[in-house]
């Protein structure tokens, strides 16, 4: 009987150690999941900032293009002051038609660019919302009140392979099962949030490459306009 009591105590000690281990692991996973959620939220804010930057660059490019056209007109006017200019009605009409077509083309490009930015912002917001728990990237349902026992069986099944348990032993077994299920939920959440973050970061990197291209184009336009005005 002494040996039996010793083995029972060892089982209880191991069980309590297991409870504490699952508590510690659960706490670490919850902290990691919370950190992933904050990171995903920051990525969402960064996406909105990228959208504002893109709109500002597009607007600045439109003004730069308009300035270039006005500078060209000013250059033409200055030339006409020192030369006899006779209008050709056929050429004038053709130029107006070309100018109208160019205006339509630019308007269509500007509209398409605005739609693209809105689309990027919408998709980014969807990824963030899903990762925060509102879709396929979100945390799974909490099984704290309906745990699966992780294949270890219920109290009745466990008692068939164990010494006589008291209420404290059963409570410890239940907590282990509950914690293991919650750990499984958190691991699934972390995996899905990591997938969402990877997608979002890659997409934002592509958008930042586009921002760099727009910035370079705008710088080129401003430099060209400055040189053009200096020659007038």
C-alpha atoms as a PDB file:
ATOM      1  CA  UNK A   1       0.000   0.000   0.000  1.00  0.00           C
ATOM      2  CA  UNK A   2       2.911   2.341   0.687  1.00  0.00           C
ATOM      3  CA  UNK A   3       4.128   1.834  -2.870  1.00  0.00           C
ATOM      4  CA  UNK A   4       0.670   2.556  -4.195  1.00  0.00           C
ATOM      5  CA  UNK A   5       0.469   5.789  -2.206  1.00  0.00           C
ATOM      6  CA  UNK A   6       3.900   6.827  -3.438  1.00  0.00           C
ATOM      7  CA  UNK A   7       2.926   6.217  -7.060  1.00  0.00           C
ATOM      8  CA  UNK A   8      -0.342   8.106  -6.589  1.00  0.00           C
ATOM      9  CA  UNK A   9       1.559  11.072  -5.175  1.00  0.00           C
ATOM     10  CA  UNK A  10       3.980  10.994  -8.082  1.00  0.00           C
ATOM     11  CA  UNK A  11       1.044  11.011 -10.490  1.00  0.00           C
ATOM     12  CA  UNK A  12      -0.513  13.972  -8.688  1.00  0.00           C
ATOM     13  CA  UNK A  13       2.800  15.859  -8.706  1.00  0.00           C
ATOM     14  CA  UNK A  14       3.268  15.200 -12.417  1.00  0.00           C
ATOM     15  CA  UNK A  15      -0.308  16.241 -13.067  1.00  0.00           C
ATOM     16  CA  UNK A  16       0.186  19.564 -11.254  1.00  0.00           C
ATOM     17  CA  UNK A  17       3.424  20.153 -13.142  1.00  0.00           C
ATOM     18  CA  UNK A  18       1.519  19.534 -16.371  1.00  0.00           C
ATOM     19  CA  UNK A  19      -1.157  22.016 -15.332  1.00  0.00           C
ATOM     20  CA  UNK A  20       1.469  24.669 -14.657  1.00  0.00           C
ATOM     21  CA  UNK A  21       3.258  23.917 -17.927  1.00  0.00           C
ATOM     22  CA  UNK A  22       0.081  24.311 -19.952  1.00  0.00           C
ATOM     23  CA  UNK A  23      -0.723  27.548 -18.106  1.00  0.00           C
ATOM     24  CA  UNK A  24       2.717  28.970 -18.935  1.00  0.00           C
ATOM     25  CA  UNK A  25       2.517  27.864 -22.570  1.00  0.00           C
ATOM     26  CA  UNK A  26      -0.981  29.324 -22.878  1.00  0.00           C
ATOM     27  CA  UNK A  27       0.176  32.648 -21.439  1.00  0.00           C
ATOM     28  CA  UNK A  28       3.098  32.854 -23.883  1.00  0.00           C
ATOM     29  CA  UNK A  29       0.863  32.019 -26.838  1.00  0.00           C
ATOM     30  CA  UNK A  30      -1.690  34.637 -25.785  1.00  0.00           C
ATOM     31  CA  UNK A  31       1.057  37.267 -25.573  1.00  0.00           C
ATOM     32  CA  UNK A  32       2.336  36.267 -29.018  1.00  0.00           C
ATOM     33  CA  UNK A  33      -1.164  36.401 -30.464  1.00  0.00           C
ATOM     34  CA  UNK A  34      -1.783  39.839 -28.953  1.00  0.00           C
ATOM     35  CA  UNK A  35       1.531  41.053 -30.388  1.00  0.00           C
ATOM     36  CA  UNK A  36       0.566  39.711 -33.813  1.00  0.00           C
ATOM     37  CA  UNK A  37      -2.747  41.543 -33.552  1.00  0.00           C
ATOM     38  CA  UNK A  38      -1.020  44.838 -32.752  1.00  0.00           C
ATOM     39  CA  UNK A  39       1.380  44.340 -35.647  1.00  0.00           C
ATOM     40  CA  UNK A  40      -1.509  43.671 -38.007  1.00  0.00           C
ATOM     41  CA  UNK A  41      -3.235  46.849 -36.800  1.00  0.00           C
ATOM     42  CA  UNK A  42      -0.059  48.862 -37.460  1.00  0.00           C
ATOM     43  CA  UNK A  43       0.144  47.401 -40.963  1.00  0.00           C
ATOM     44  CA  UNK A  44      -3.425  48.584 -41.541  1.00  0.00           C
ATOM     45  CA  UNK A  45      -2.518  52.127 -40.479  1.00  0.00           C
ATOM     46  CA  UNK A  46       0.550  52.016 -42.718  1.00  0.00           C
ATOM     47  CA  UNK A  47      -1.611  50.977 -45.653  1.00  0.00           C
ATOM     48  CA  UNK A  48      -3.832  54.009 -45.115  1.00  0.00           C
ATOM     49  CA  UNK A  49      -0.766  56.256 -45.014  1.00  0.00           C
ATOM     50  CA  UNK A  50       0.457  54.754 -48.289  1.00  0.00           C
ATOM     51  CA  UNK A  51      -2.911  55.548 -49.847  1.00  0.00           C
ATOM     52  CA  UNK A  52      -2.656  59.197 -48.752  1.00  0.00           C
ATOM     53  CA  UNK A  53       0.888  59.433 -50.104  1.00  0.00           C
ATOM     54  CA  UNK A  54      -0.157  57.946 -53.454  1.00  0.00           C
ATOM     55  CA  UNK A  55      -3.043  60.409 -53.777  1.00  0.00           C
ATOM     56  CA  UNK A  56      -0.783  63.335 -52.951  1.00  0.00           C
ATOM     57  CA  UNK A  57       1.782  62.239 -55.529  1.00  0.00           C
ATOM     58  CA  UNK A  58      -0.902  61.746 -58.174  1.00  0.00           C
ATOM     59  CA  UNK A  59      -2.315  65.193 -57.461  1.00  0.00           C
ATOM     60  CA  UNK A  60       1.150  66.757 -57.611  1.00  0.00           C
ATOM     61  CA  UNK A  61       1.849  64.995 -60.911  1.00  0.00           C
ATOM     62  CA  UNK A  62      -1.373  66.400 -62.385  1.00  0.00           C
ATOM     63  CA  UNK A  63      -0.336  69.927 -61.378  1.00  0.00           C
ATOM     64  CA  UNK A  64       3.147  69.356 -62.781  1.00  0.00           C
ATOM     65  CA  UNK A  65       1.697  68.193 -66.107  1.00  0.00           C
ATOM     66  CA  UNK A  66      -0.588  71.234 -66.226  1.00  0.00           C
ATOM     67  CA  UNK A  67       2.356  73.482 -65.459  1.00  0.00           C
ATOM     68  CA  UNK A  68       4.301  71.903 -68.306  1.00  0.00           C
ATOM     69  CA  UNK A  69       1.443  72.594 -70.720  1.00  0.00           C
ATOM     70  CA  UNK A  70       1.196  76.212 -69.564  1.00  0.00           C
ATOM     71  CA  UNK A  71       4.944  76.638 -69.915  1.00  0.00           C
ATOM     72  CA  UNK A  72       4.717  75.338 -73.482  1.00  0.00           C
ATOM     73  CA  UNK A  73       1.905  77.787 -74.220  1.00  0.00           C
ATOM     74  CA  UNK A  74       3.934  80.626 -72.727  1.00  0.00           C
ATOM     75  CA  UNK A  75       6.884  79.679 -74.896  1.00  0.00           C
ATOM     76  CA  UNK A  76       4.645  79.740 -77.984  1.00  0.00           C
ATOM     77  CA  UNK A  77       3.229  83.137 -77.047  1.00  0.00           C
ATOM     78  CA  UNK A  78       6.702  84.581 -76.613  1.00  0.00           C
ATOM     79  CA  UNK A  79       7.713  83.336 -80.043  1.00  0.00           C
ATOM     80  CA  UNK A  80       4.616  84.812 -81.643  1.00  0.00           C
ATOM     81  CA  UNK A  81       5.607  88.243 -80.390  1.00  0.00           C
ATOM     82  CA  UNK A  82       8.562  88.236 -82.763  1.00  0.00           C
ATOM     83  CA  UNK A  83       7.102  86.373 -85.708  1.00  0.00           C
ATOM     84  CA  UNK A  84       4.200  86.761 -88.110  1.00  0.00           C
ATOM     85  CA  UNK A  85       1.689  84.091 -87.219  1.00  0.00           C
ATOM     86  CA  UNK A  86      -1.100  83.093 -89.609  1.00  0.00           C
ATOM     87  CA  UNK A  87      -3.580  80.583 -88.253  1.00  0.00           C
ATOM     88  CA  UNK A  88      -4.371  77.543 -90.341  1.00  0.00           C
ATOM     89  CA  UNK A  89      -7.999  76.640 -89.612  1.00  0.00           C
ATOM     90  CA  UNK A  90      -7.450  72.983 -90.534  1.00  0.00           C
ATOM     91  CA  UNK A  91      -4.399  72.655 -88.320  1.00  0.00           C
ATOM     92  CA  UNK A  92      -6.092  74.532 -85.507  1.00  0.00           C
ATOM     93  CA  UNK A  93      -9.100  72.196 -85.571  1.00  0.00           C
ATOM     94  CA  UNK A  94      -6.844  69.144 -85.600  1.00  0.00           C
ATOM     95  CA  UNK A  95      -4.893  70.451 -82.620  1.00  0.00           C
ATOM     96  CA  UNK A  96      -8.108  71.005 -80.681  1.00  0.00           C
ATOM     97  CA  UNK A  97      -9.242  67.470 -81.414  1.00  0.00           C
ATOM     98  CA  UNK A  98      -5.897  66.067 -80.331  1.00  0.00           C
ATOM     99  CA  UNK A  99      -5.969  68.170 -77.179  1.00  0.00           C
ATOM    100  CA  UNK A 100      -9.475  66.928 -76.390  1.00  0.00           C
ATOM    101  CA  UNK A 101      -8.441  63.301 -76.873  1.00  0.00           C
ATOM    102  CA  UNK A 102      -5.387  63.828 -74.692  1.00  0.00           C
ATOM    103  CA  UNK A 103      -7.549  65.375 -71.963  1.00  0.00           C
ATOM    104  CA  UNK A 104      -9.906  62.400 -72.091  1.00  0.00           C
ATOM    105  CA  UNK A 105      -7.004  59.985 -71.906  1.00  0.00           C
ATOM    106  CA  UNK A 106      -5.542  61.738 -68.885  1.00  0.00           C
ATOM    107  CA  UNK A 107      -8.917  61.844 -67.155  1.00  0.00           C
ATOM    108  CA  UNK A 108      -9.353  58.099 -67.722  1.00  0.00           C
ATOM    109  CA  UNK A 109      -5.849  57.402 -66.356  1.00  0.00           C
ATOM    110  CA  UNK A 110      -6.498  59.536 -63.277  1.00  0.00           C
ATOM    111  CA  UNK A 111      -9.801  57.755 -62.635  1.00  0.00           C
ATOM    112  CA  UNK A 112      -8.176  54.348 -63.068  1.00  0.00           C
ATOM    113  CA  UNK A 113      -5.399  55.308 -60.658  1.00  0.00           C
ATOM    114  CA  UNK A 114      -7.889  56.491 -58.025  1.00  0.00           C
ATOM    115  CA  UNK A 115      -9.840  53.262 -58.391  1.00  0.00           C
ATOM    116  CA  UNK A 116      -6.645  51.236 -58.033  1.00  0.00           C
ATOM    117  CA  UNK A 117      -5.734  53.018 -54.798  1.00  0.00           C
ATOM    118  CA  UNK A 118      -9.254  52.471 -53.433  1.00  0.00           C
ATOM    119  CA  UNK A 119      -9.028  48.794 -54.381  1.00  0.00           C
ATOM    120  CA  UNK A 120      -5.667  48.411 -52.633  1.00  0.00           C
ATOM    121  CA  UNK A 121      -6.998  50.096 -49.496  1.00  0.00           C
ATOM    122  CA  UNK A 122     -10.125  47.931 -49.476  1.00  0.00           C
ATOM    123  CA  UNK A 123      -8.167  44.680 -49.887  1.00  0.00           C
ATOM    124  CA  UNK A 124      -5.697  45.749 -47.203  1.00  0.00           C
ATOM    125  CA  UNK A 125      -8.545  46.569 -44.816  1.00  0.00           C
ATOM    126  CA  UNK A 126     -10.118  43.183 -45.493  1.00  0.00           C
ATOM    127  CA  UNK A 127      -6.856  41.393 -44.711  1.00  0.00           C
ATOM    128  CA  UNK A 128      -6.454  43.338 -41.474  1.00  0.00           C
ATOM    129  CA  UNK A 129     -10.066  42.774 -40.385  1.00  0.00           C
ATOM    130  CA  UNK A 130      -9.850  39.078 -41.181  1.00  0.00           C
ATOM    131  CA  UNK A 131      -6.602  38.724 -39.252  1.00  0.00           C
ATOM    132  CA  UNK A 132      -8.156  40.509 -36.281  1.00  0.00           C
ATOM    133  CA  UNK A 133     -10.860  37.849 -36.053  1.00  0.00           C
ATOM    134  CA  UNK A 134     -13.509  38.753 -38.620  1.00  0.00           C
ATOM    135  CA  UNK A 135     -12.847  36.159 -41.298  1.00  0.00           C
ATOM    136  CA  UNK A 136     -10.676  33.255 -42.452  1.00  0.00           C
ATOM    137  CA  UNK A 137      -7.529  34.807 -40.950  1.00  0.00           C
ATOM    138  CA  UNK A 138      -9.133  35.317 -37.554  1.00  0.00           C
ATOM    139  CA  UNK A 139      -8.905  33.392 -34.339  1.00  0.00           C
ATOM    140  CA  UNK A 140     -11.034  30.287 -34.223  1.00  0.00           C
ATOM    141  CA  UNK A 141     -13.924  29.823 -31.824  1.00  0.00           C
ATOM    142  CA  UNK A 142     -13.020  29.537 -28.175  1.00  0.00           C
ATOM    143  CA  UNK A 143     -13.559  25.998 -27.010  1.00  0.00           C
ATOM    144  CA  UNK A 144     -13.148  26.809 -23.340  1.00  0.00           C
ATOM    145  CA  UNK A 145     -16.644  25.534 -22.542  1.00  0.00           C
ATOM    146  CA  UNK A 146     -16.625  22.595 -24.923  1.00  0.00           C
ATOM    147  CA  UNK A 147     -13.146  21.160 -25.035  1.00  0.00           C
ATOM    148  CA  UNK A 148     -12.241  17.992 -26.870  1.00  0.00           C
ATOM    149  CA  UNK A 149      -9.978  16.435 -24.195  1.00  0.00           C
ATOM    150  CA  UNK A 150      -7.419  16.024 -26.993  1.00  0.00           C
ATOM    151  CA  UNK A 151      -8.103  12.326 -27.350  1.00  0.00           C
ATOM    152  CA  UNK A 152      -7.498  11.678 -23.635  1.00  0.00           C
ATOM    153  CA  UNK A 153     -11.088  10.683 -22.942  1.00  0.00           C
ATOM    154  CA  UNK A 154     -13.561  12.028 -20.418  1.00  0.00           C
ATOM    155  CA  UNK A 155     -13.485  11.524 -16.638  1.00  0.00           C
ATOM    156  CA  UNK A 156     -15.195   8.162 -16.899  1.00  0.00           C
ATOM    157  CA  UNK A 157     -12.824   6.855 -19.545  1.00  0.00           C
ATOM    158  CA  UNK A 158      -9.763   8.216 -17.760  1.00  0.00           C
ATOM    159  CA  UNK A 159     -10.752   6.499 -14.495  1.00  0.00           C
ATOM    160  CA  UNK A 160     -10.469   3.117 -16.187  1.00  0.00           C
ATOM    161  CA  UNK A 161      -6.712   3.606 -16.573  1.00  0.00           C
ATOM    162  CA  UNK A 162      -5.893   5.495 -13.368  1.00  0.00           C
ATOM    163  CA  UNK A 163      -5.928   5.207  -9.630  1.00  0.00           C
ATOM    164  CA  UNK A 164      -8.965   6.555  -7.858  1.00  0.00           C
ATOM    165  CA  UNK A 165      -9.122  10.297  -8.509  1.00  0.00           C
ATOM    166  CA  UNK A 166     -10.591  12.879  -6.217  1.00  0.00           C
ATOM    167  CA  UNK A 167     -12.327  16.074  -7.295  1.00  0.00           C
ATOM    168  CA  UNK A 168      -9.049  17.992  -7.354  1.00  0.00           C
ATOM    169  CA  UNK A 169      -7.486  15.408  -9.678  1.00  0.00           C
ATOM    170  CA  UNK A 170     -10.422  15.584 -12.084  1.00  0.00           C
ATOM    171  CA  UNK A 171     -10.301  19.390 -12.054  1.00  0.00           C
ATOM    172  CA  UNK A 172      -6.596  19.297 -12.907  1.00  0.00           C
ATOM    173  CA  UNK A 173      -7.202  16.868 -15.784  1.00  0.00           C
ATOM    174  CA  UNK A 174     -10.010  19.059 -17.095  1.00  0.00           C
ATOM    175  CA  UNK A 175      -7.822  22.168 -16.948  1.00  0.00           C
ATOM    176  CA  UNK A 176      -5.039  20.417 -18.860  1.00  0.00           C
ATOM    177  CA  UNK A 177      -7.495  19.432 -21.600  1.00  0.00           C
ATOM    178  CA  UNK A 178      -9.003  22.905 -21.692  1.00  0.00           C
ATOM    179  CA  UNK A 179      -5.588  24.589 -21.889  1.00  0.00           C
ATOM    180  CA  UNK A 180      -4.433  22.254 -24.654  1.00  0.00           C
ATOM    181  CA  UNK A 181      -7.515  23.087 -26.720  1.00  0.00           C
ATOM    182  CA  UNK A 182      -7.002  26.814 -26.201  1.00  0.00           C
ATOM    183  CA  UNK A 183      -3.365  26.432 -27.192  1.00  0.00           C
ATOM    184  CA  UNK A 184      -4.494  24.742 -30.399  1.00  0.00           C
ATOM    185  CA  UNK A 185      -6.826  27.668 -31.139  1.00  0.00           C
ATOM    186  CA  UNK A 186      -4.045  30.184 -30.513  1.00  0.00           C
ATOM    187  CA  UNK A 187      -1.577  28.304 -32.679  1.00  0.00           C
ATOM    188  CA  UNK A 188      -4.107  28.334 -35.513  1.00  0.00           C
ATOM    189  CA  UNK A 189      -4.663  32.048 -34.992  1.00  0.00           C
ATOM    190  CA  UNK A 190      -0.921  32.761 -35.033  1.00  0.00           C
ATOM    191  CA  UNK A 191      -0.457  30.786 -38.233  1.00  0.00           C
ATOM    192  CA  UNK A 192      -3.314  32.614 -39.961  1.00  0.00           C
ATOM    193  CA  UNK A 193      -2.144  36.030 -38.776  1.00  0.00           C
ATOM    194  CA  UNK A 194       1.386  35.258 -39.940  1.00  0.00           C
ATOM    195  CA  UNK A 195      -0.004  34.352 -43.372  1.00  0.00           C
ATOM    196  CA  UNK A 196      -2.014  37.574 -43.488  1.00  0.00           C
ATOM    197  CA  UNK A 197       0.977  39.673 -42.394  1.00  0.00           C
ATOM    198  CA  UNK A 198       3.188  38.082 -45.023  1.00  0.00           C
ATOM    199  CA  UNK A 199       0.636  38.877 -47.742  1.00  0.00           C
ATOM    200  CA  UNK A 200       0.140  42.431 -46.487  1.00  0.00           C
ATOM    201  CA  UNK A 201       3.866  43.190 -46.170  1.00  0.00           C
ATOM    202  CA  UNK A 202       4.586  41.857 -49.666  1.00  0.00           C
ATOM    203  CA  UNK A 203       1.743  43.909 -51.126  1.00  0.00           C
ATOM    204  CA  UNK A 204       2.833  47.068 -49.317  1.00  0.00           C
ATOM    205  CA  UNK A 205       6.386  46.550 -50.565  1.00  0.00           C
ATOM    206  CA  UNK A 206       5.020  46.497 -54.108  1.00  0.00           C
ATOM    207  CA  UNK A 207       3.030  49.659 -53.416  1.00  0.00           C
ATOM    208  CA  UNK A 208       6.117  51.396 -51.988  1.00  0.00           C
ATOM    209  CA  UNK A 209       7.981  50.506 -55.178  1.00  0.00           C
ATOM    210  CA  UNK A 210       5.167  52.256 -57.034  1.00  0.00           C
ATOM    211  CA  UNK A 211       5.490  55.257 -54.727  1.00  0.00           C
ATOM    212  CA  UNK A 212       9.202  55.433 -55.526  1.00  0.00           C
ATOM    213  CA  UNK A 213       8.446  55.359 -59.253  1.00  0.00           C
ATOM    214  CA  UNK A 214       5.840  58.112 -58.892  1.00  0.00           C
ATOM    215  CA  UNK A 215       8.259  60.209 -56.857  1.00  0.00           C
ATOM    216  CA  UNK A 216      10.975  59.843 -59.496  1.00  0.00           C
ATOM    217  CA  UNK A 217       8.522  60.767 -62.266  1.00  0.00           C
ATOM    218  CA  UNK A 218       7.333  63.812 -60.337  1.00  0.00           C
ATOM    219  CA  UNK A 219      10.907  64.918 -59.698  1.00  0.00           C
ATOM    220  CA  UNK A 220      11.636  64.588 -63.401  1.00  0.00           C
ATOM    221  CA  UNK A 221       8.571  66.642 -64.324  1.00  0.00           C
ATOM    222  CA  UNK A 222       9.416  69.413 -61.876  1.00  0.00           C
ATOM    223  CA  UNK A 223      13.016  69.539 -63.080  1.00  0.00           C
ATOM    224  CA  UNK A 224      11.874  69.662 -66.718  1.00  0.00           C
ATOM    225  CA  UNK A 225       9.405  72.468 -65.978  1.00  0.00           C
ATOM    226  CA  UNK A 226      12.052  74.455 -64.124  1.00  0.00           C
ATOM    227  CA  UNK A 227      14.480  74.160 -67.038  1.00  0.00           C
ATOM    228  CA  UNK A 228      11.745  75.024 -69.534  1.00  0.00           C
ATOM    229  CA  UNK A 229      10.751  78.172 -67.646  1.00  0.00           C
ATOM    230  CA  UNK A 230      14.385  79.273 -67.339  1.00  0.00           C
ATOM    231  CA  UNK A 231      14.725  79.191 -71.137  1.00  0.00           C
ATOM    232  CA  UNK A 232      11.684  81.348 -71.788  1.00  0.00           C
END
